[in-house]
Protein backbone atom coordinates (compact mmCIF):
# COMPACT_ATOMS: atom_id res chain seq x y z
CA UNK A 1 -29.62 -43.44 23.41
CA UNK A 2 -30.42 -47.70 23.97
CA UNK A 3 -28.15 -49.25 26.25
CA UNK A 4 -26.70 -51.60 23.74
CA UNK A 5 -25.65 -48.51 22.08
CA UNK A 6 -23.64 -47.04 24.97
CA UNK A 7 -22.30 -50.54 25.75
CA UNK A 8 -21.55 -51.33 22.12
CA UNK A 9 -19.60 -47.88 21.75
CA UNK A 10 -18.03 -48.40 25.10
CA UNK A 11 -16.66 -51.98 23.67
CA UNK A 12 -15.59 -50.47 20.53
CA UNK A 13 -13.62 -47.22 21.92
CA UNK A 14 -12.56 -48.67 24.83
CA UNK A 15 -14.07 -45.56 26.93
CA UNK A 16 -17.46 -44.37 28.60
CA UNK A 17 -17.52 -40.71 28.19
CA UNK A 18 -14.50 -39.23 30.23
CA UNK A 19 -13.86 -42.94 31.65
CA UNK A 20 -10.88 -44.72 30.05
CA UNK A 21 -7.96 -46.68 31.63
CA UNK A 22 -5.20 -44.17 32.58
CA UNK A 23 -7.86 -41.21 32.81
CA UNK A 24 -6.82 -38.58 35.53
CA UNK A 25 -9.50 -39.15 38.45
CA UNK A 26 -10.06 -35.68 38.87
CA UNK A 27 -11.22 -35.32 34.99
CA UNK A 28 -13.84 -38.09 35.79
CA UNK A 29 -15.18 -36.40 38.88
CA UNK A 30 -15.25 -33.06 37.31
CA UNK A 31 -17.63 -34.87 34.51
CA UNK A 32 -19.66 -36.69 37.04
CA UNK A 33 -19.45 -35.38 40.22
CA UNK A 34 -18.25 -37.17 43.72
CA UNK A 35 -19.07 -40.90 43.36
CA UNK A 36 -19.90 -43.44 45.92
CA UNK A 37 -17.06 -45.15 47.62
CA UNK A 38 -17.14 -48.76 47.72
CA UNK A 39 -13.74 -49.32 49.43
CA UNK A 40 -10.43 -50.95 49.01
CA UNK A 41 -9.46 -53.72 46.58
CA UNK A 42 -7.59 -55.34 48.97
CA UNK A 43 -7.57 -55.71 52.86
CA UNK A 44 -4.07 -54.95 53.32
CA UNK A 45 -3.63 -51.41 51.37
CA UNK A 46 -5.84 -48.67 50.82
CA UNK A 47 -5.27 -48.08 47.19
CA UNK A 48 -6.45 -48.99 44.59
CA UNK A 49 -9.81 -47.96 45.65
CA UNK A 50 -13.07 -48.89 44.25
CA UNK A 51 -15.44 -46.36 43.31
CA UNK A 52 -18.97 -46.40 41.59
CA UNK A 53 -21.69 -43.96 39.72
CA UNK A 54 -24.37 -46.06 39.64
CA UNK A 55 -23.74 -49.64 37.86
CA UNK A 56 -20.62 -48.10 36.35
CA UNK A 57 -17.75 -49.15 39.00
CA UNK A 58 -14.08 -47.91 38.67
CA UNK A 59 -10.90 -48.98 40.25
CA UNK A 60 -8.34 -45.83 40.89
CA UNK A 61 -4.79 -46.40 41.57
CA UNK A 62 -3.11 -44.48 44.86
CA UNK A 63 -1.88 -41.84 41.47
CA UNK A 64 -5.00 -41.20 40.70
CA UNK A 65 -5.43 -42.80 37.85
CA UNK A 66 -8.38 -45.34 36.47
CA UNK A 67 -7.18 -48.64 36.17
CA UNK A 68 -10.26 -50.92 35.81
CA UNK A 69 -13.86 -50.03 34.30
CA UNK A 70 -16.69 -52.20 34.86
CA UNK A 71 -20.47 -51.59 34.29
CA UNK A 72 -22.53 -54.29 36.10
CA UNK A 73 -25.60 -55.18 34.04
CA UNK A 74 -27.29 -58.30 36.17
CA UNK A 75 -29.28 -55.90 38.45
CA UNK A 76 -33.07 -54.97 38.07
CA UNK A 77 -31.70 -52.19 35.82
CA UNK A 78 -28.63 -50.45 34.81
CA UNK A 79 -27.92 -47.07 35.99
CA UNK A 80 -25.23 -44.82 34.59
CA UNK A 81 -24.14 -41.06 34.78
CA UNK A 82 -26.62 -39.39 32.73
CA UNK A 83 -23.80 -37.45 30.42
CA UNK A 84 -22.36 -40.66 28.88
CA UNK A 85 -25.88 -41.60 27.50
CA UNK A 86 -27.72 -38.77 26.20
CA UNK A 87 -29.35 -37.70 29.44
CA UNK A 88 -30.82 -40.97 30.06
CA UNK A 89 -29.45 -42.70 33.56
CA UNK A 90 -31.44 -45.60 34.13
CA UNK A 91 -31.68 -48.45 31.34
CA UNK A 92 -33.62 -51.89 31.63
CA UNK A 93 -31.40 -54.88 32.22
CA UNK A 94 -32.27 -58.35 30.88
CA UNK A 95 -29.70 -57.94 27.70
CA UNK A 96 -29.57 -60.93 25.53
CA UNK A 97 -26.90 -62.40 23.97
CA UNK A 98 -28.34 -62.08 20.50
CA UNK A 99 -29.16 -58.63 21.13
CA UNK A 100 -25.70 -57.65 22.37
CA UNK A 101 -24.08 -59.46 19.62
CA UNK A 102 -26.23 -57.92 17.03
CA UNK A 103 -25.49 -54.29 18.47
CA UNK A 104 -21.83 -55.14 18.52
CA UNK A 105 -22.18 -56.10 14.96
CA UNK A 106 -24.23 -52.61 14.07
CA UNK A 107 -21.21 -50.58 15.45
CA UNK A 108 -18.67 -52.35 13.41
CA UNK A 109 -17.30 -53.66 16.41
CA UNK A 110 -15.03 -57.20 16.18
CA UNK A 111 -15.53 -59.95 18.75
CA UNK A 112 -14.50 -63.27 19.50
CA UNK A 113 -15.59 -65.93 22.41
CA UNK A 114 -13.38 -66.01 24.82
CA UNK A 115 -12.40 -69.72 25.41
CA UNK A 116 -10.64 -69.18 29.09
CA UNK A 117 -13.41 -67.36 30.47
CA UNK A 118 -16.34 -69.73 28.93
CA UNK A 119 -17.54 -72.41 30.92
CA UNK A 120 -20.28 -73.99 32.68
CA UNK A 121 -22.68 -71.35 32.81
CA UNK A 122 -20.61 -68.27 31.75
CA UNK A 123 -19.84 -66.93 28.42
CA UNK A 124 -17.69 -64.27 27.59
CA UNK A 125 -16.85 -62.45 24.35
CA UNK A 126 -13.34 -60.01 24.02
CA UNK A 127 -13.60 -56.94 21.73
CA UNK A 128 -10.80 -56.88 19.35
CA UNK A 129 -8.47 -54.55 19.55
CA UNK A 130 -9.77 -52.72 22.89
CA UNK A 131 -9.93 -55.86 24.93
CA UNK A 132 -13.16 -55.20 26.52
CA UNK A 133 -14.92 -58.28 27.71
CA UNK A 134 -18.79 -59.04 27.84
CA UNK A 135 -19.48 -61.72 30.18
CA UNK A 136 -22.81 -63.79 29.89
CA UNK A 137 -24.66 -65.45 32.80
CA UNK A 138 -26.49 -68.86 31.03
CA UNK A 139 -29.16 -69.78 32.99
CA UNK A 140 -30.43 -73.29 32.63
CA UNK A 141 -32.76 -73.81 29.59
CA UNK A 142 -32.47 -69.87 28.80
CA UNK A 143 -30.68 -67.56 26.36
CA UNK A 144 -27.54 -66.26 27.91
CA UNK A 145 -27.98 -62.75 29.37
CA UNK A 146 -25.34 -59.87 29.87
CA UNK A 147 -24.00 -59.98 33.40
CA UNK A 148 -21.49 -57.24 33.23
CA UNK A 149 -19.01 -55.49 30.53
CA UNK A 150 -15.52 -54.51 31.58
CA UNK A 151 -12.56 -52.61 30.19
CA UNK A 152 -9.24 -54.05 30.62
CA UNK A 153 -6.31 -52.02 32.76
CA UNK A 154 -3.44 -50.41 30.86
CA UNK A 155 -0.79 -52.13 32.49
CA UNK A 156 -0.38 -49.60 34.95
CA UNK A 157 2.26 -50.27 37.61
CA UNK A 158 2.34 -47.30 40.30
CA UNK A 159 5.11 -46.19 41.58
CA UNK A 160 3.77 -42.86 42.77
CA UNK A 161 3.71 -42.04 46.62
CA UNK A 162 -0.26 -41.77 47.50
CA UNK A 163 -1.94 -38.50 47.34
CA UNK A 164 -4.47 -37.62 50.37
CA UNK A 165 -7.51 -39.06 50.23
């Protein structure tokens, strides 16, 4: 499976394998194993916490629900859990705007430019209806290159008490 197909499907469906906004953290760790813990999202609070599976980064609420999802594509290679990409776990980066838009169109994924997140050396596309965002860096004199793909949170406002680690 090609990385463009994986990301277009993610943007269209709002899912990357077992990962989606509101997914139970136990289901994710059961499918992918233990993640790399990146740390807290705030200096003052223990939750939400940020976890990573290669370049897939997940913010997890204290109630153990996934609340934000991002795939970093700006590194030299993009690493994903093998089960979400038919056994492949690393992919080349440097995905161009033209290639990404073409993959979205092939997947039947409607999108539009997001004016509020398009400025200077950045362009962002938003996919409808999932709200997935694809943000591109525009190097001077070059074609835009995909920097990251994010799936929005579901507006979760947790009132659950924190569980153990």
